[in-house]
Structure formats: structure tokens, C-alpha cells
Amino acid sequence: MTGQQTSQTDRARELESLLATGPFAAALRAAIRARGLGLERIQYRLRSRGAPVSLATLSHWQSGRCRPERAGSLAALRCLEEVLEVPQGALMRLLATDNGANGST
């Protein structure tokens, strides 16, 4: 296996583990990293799906400063799961099990 393949395999394993156990922010960061998209590209893809989210909000979600809790944010999270190509409901499930929220959007 080459170094790049090993790195991709490691990222996939990390993502799978974090999607199963959380926390939400770490799983989101891992999904973004695994997908290889910048926040601006993710924002564009969400907007094109009718789920506008600011760059600041995406950054806050992945850093753990806040997390999606409002109806509009939860709808955007469903679209975000599609954009990041993670199983439907995987990130949403982590919100229900995470208790360490610092804020909401």
C-alpha cells in the first residue's frame, strides 16, 4: 500500500469510528477532511440544495463552538450529510447522544 492509500484508509477508519461514537464536532471535521472539500465549497453545495449556511456557522459546528439545533440548521445538516457522503442520519444521531454542546444555531 502506498502512503497516500494508507492515509486514505486511516481517514476512512477514523471517520467510521467517529460517526459511530462522536463527538459531533470531531465526526464533522473528519467527514469534511475525508471528503476533501473546503468550507466555501460545502457552503456553495448546501446553498444549491436550498440550505444556506454561513461559513462562520460551518466553522463553529466543526470546532464544537456550537452545533445545529434550530429547524433550519437541522434541515441543512441533512443536506450536509449528502454533500459529505456520510450515511443518512449519521451526524444527526450524534447530536442526540452528545451532551457537550456549547451553543446552538
Protein backbone atom coordinates (compact mmCIF):
# COMPACT_ATOMS: atom_id res chain seq x y z
CA MET A 1 0.00 0.00 0.00
CA THR A 2 1.33 3.47 -0.80
CA GLY A 3 1.49 6.26 1.74
CA GLN A 4 -1.48 8.02 0.14
CA GLN A 5 -3.62 4.85 0.21
CA THR A 6 -2.68 4.26 3.85
CA SER A 7 -3.61 7.82 4.71
CA GLN A 8 -6.99 7.47 2.96
CA THR A 9 -7.62 4.16 4.71
CA ASP A 10 -6.72 5.68 8.07
CA ARG A 11 -9.04 8.64 7.43
CA ALA A 12 -11.87 6.30 6.45
CA ARG A 13 -11.40 4.25 9.64
CA GLU A 14 -11.26 7.39 11.77
CA LEU A 15 -14.43 8.72 10.15
CA GLU A 16 -16.27 5.42 10.60
CA SER A 17 -15.30 5.32 14.28
CA LEU A 18 -16.26 8.94 14.91
CA LEU A 19 -19.60 8.55 13.12
CA ALA A 20 -20.34 5.65 15.45
CA THR A 21 -19.20 7.25 18.70
CA GLY A 22 -18.87 11.00 18.24
CA PRO A 23 -18.49 13.62 19.37
CA PHE A 24 -20.40 15.52 16.70
CA ALA A 25 -17.74 18.18 16.03
CA ALA A 26 -14.95 15.63 15.62
CA ALA A 27 -17.09 13.48 13.31
CA LEU A 28 -17.98 16.51 11.21
CA ARG A 29 -14.32 17.54 10.94
CA ALA A 30 -13.34 14.02 9.93
CA ALA A 31 -16.12 13.87 7.31
CA ILE A 32 -15.04 17.19 5.83
CA ARG A 33 -11.41 16.06 5.76
CA ALA A 34 -12.31 12.69 4.20
CA ARG A 35 -14.40 14.38 1.50
CA GLY A 36 -11.60 16.84 0.73
CA LEU A 37 -13.87 19.86 0.38
CA GLY A 38 -13.23 23.33 1.75
CA LEU A 39 -15.90 25.09 3.76
CA GLU A 40 -16.61 27.51 0.90
CA ARG A 41 -17.28 24.61 -1.47
CA ILE A 42 -19.51 22.95 1.11
CA GLN A 43 -21.37 26.22 1.63
CA TYR A 44 -21.92 26.52 -2.14
CA ARG A 45 -23.24 22.96 -2.38
CA LEU A 46 -25.58 23.48 0.57
CA ARG A 47 -26.88 26.74 -0.91
CA SER A 48 -27.53 24.98 -4.24
CA ARG A 49 -29.65 22.45 -2.31
CA GLY A 50 -31.68 25.24 -0.72
CA ALA A 51 -29.93 25.00 2.64
CA PRO A 52 -27.88 28.18 3.08
CA VAL A 53 -25.42 28.12 5.98
CA SER A 54 -22.77 30.75 6.68
CA LEU A 55 -19.08 29.91 6.65
CA ALA A 56 -18.91 31.03 10.28
CA THR A 57 -21.65 28.58 11.23
CA LEU A 58 -19.95 25.68 9.44
CA SER A 59 -16.70 26.59 11.16
CA HIS A 60 -18.40 26.78 14.55
CA TRP A 61 -20.07 23.40 14.04
CA GLN A 62 -16.80 21.66 13.19
CA SER A 63 -14.88 23.34 16.01
CA GLY A 64 -17.52 22.49 18.59
CA ARG A 65 -18.26 26.12 19.49
CA CYS A 66 -21.90 25.48 18.67
CA ARG A 67 -23.98 22.85 16.95
CA PRO A 68 -27.10 22.70 14.81
CA GLU A 69 -30.30 22.69 16.85
CA ARG A 70 -32.76 25.04 15.15
CA ALA A 71 -35.12 23.66 12.50
CA GLY A 72 -33.29 25.36 9.61
CA SER A 73 -29.92 24.16 10.83
CA LEU A 74 -31.16 20.60 11.21
CA ALA A 75 -32.53 20.69 7.66
CA ALA A 76 -29.13 21.96 6.48
CA LEU A 77 -27.44 19.14 8.40
CA ARG A 78 -29.43 16.57 6.40
CA CYS A 79 -28.14 18.20 3.21
CA LEU A 80 -24.64 18.34 4.68
CA GLU A 81 -24.71 14.57 5.18
CA GLU A 82 -25.44 14.22 1.45
CA VAL A 83 -22.67 16.65 0.47
CA LEU A 84 -20.16 14.87 2.69
CA GLU A 85 -21.37 11.45 1.52
CA VAL A 86 -21.88 10.06 5.00
CA PRO A 87 -24.76 7.70 5.80
CA GLN A 88 -28.10 9.45 6.15
CA GLY A 89 -28.71 10.37 9.78
CA ALA A 90 -25.14 9.63 10.90
CA LEU A 91 -24.32 13.18 12.01
CA MET A 92 -27.88 13.83 13.19
CA ARG A 93 -27.67 10.81 15.51
CA LEU A 94 -24.59 12.25 17.18
CA LEU A 95 -26.50 15.38 18.16
CA ALA A 96 -28.86 13.24 20.20
CA THR A 97 -26.02 11.48 22.01
CA ASP A 98 -23.66 14.45 22.50
CA ASN A 99 -24.19 16.28 25.74
CA GLY A 100 -21.28 18.71 25.44
CA ALA A 101 -22.92 21.48 23.43
CA ASN A 102 -21.58 24.98 23.96
CA GLY A 103 -24.25 26.72 21.95
CA SER A 104 -26.73 26.25 19.17
CA THR A 105 -27.57 27.57 15.74
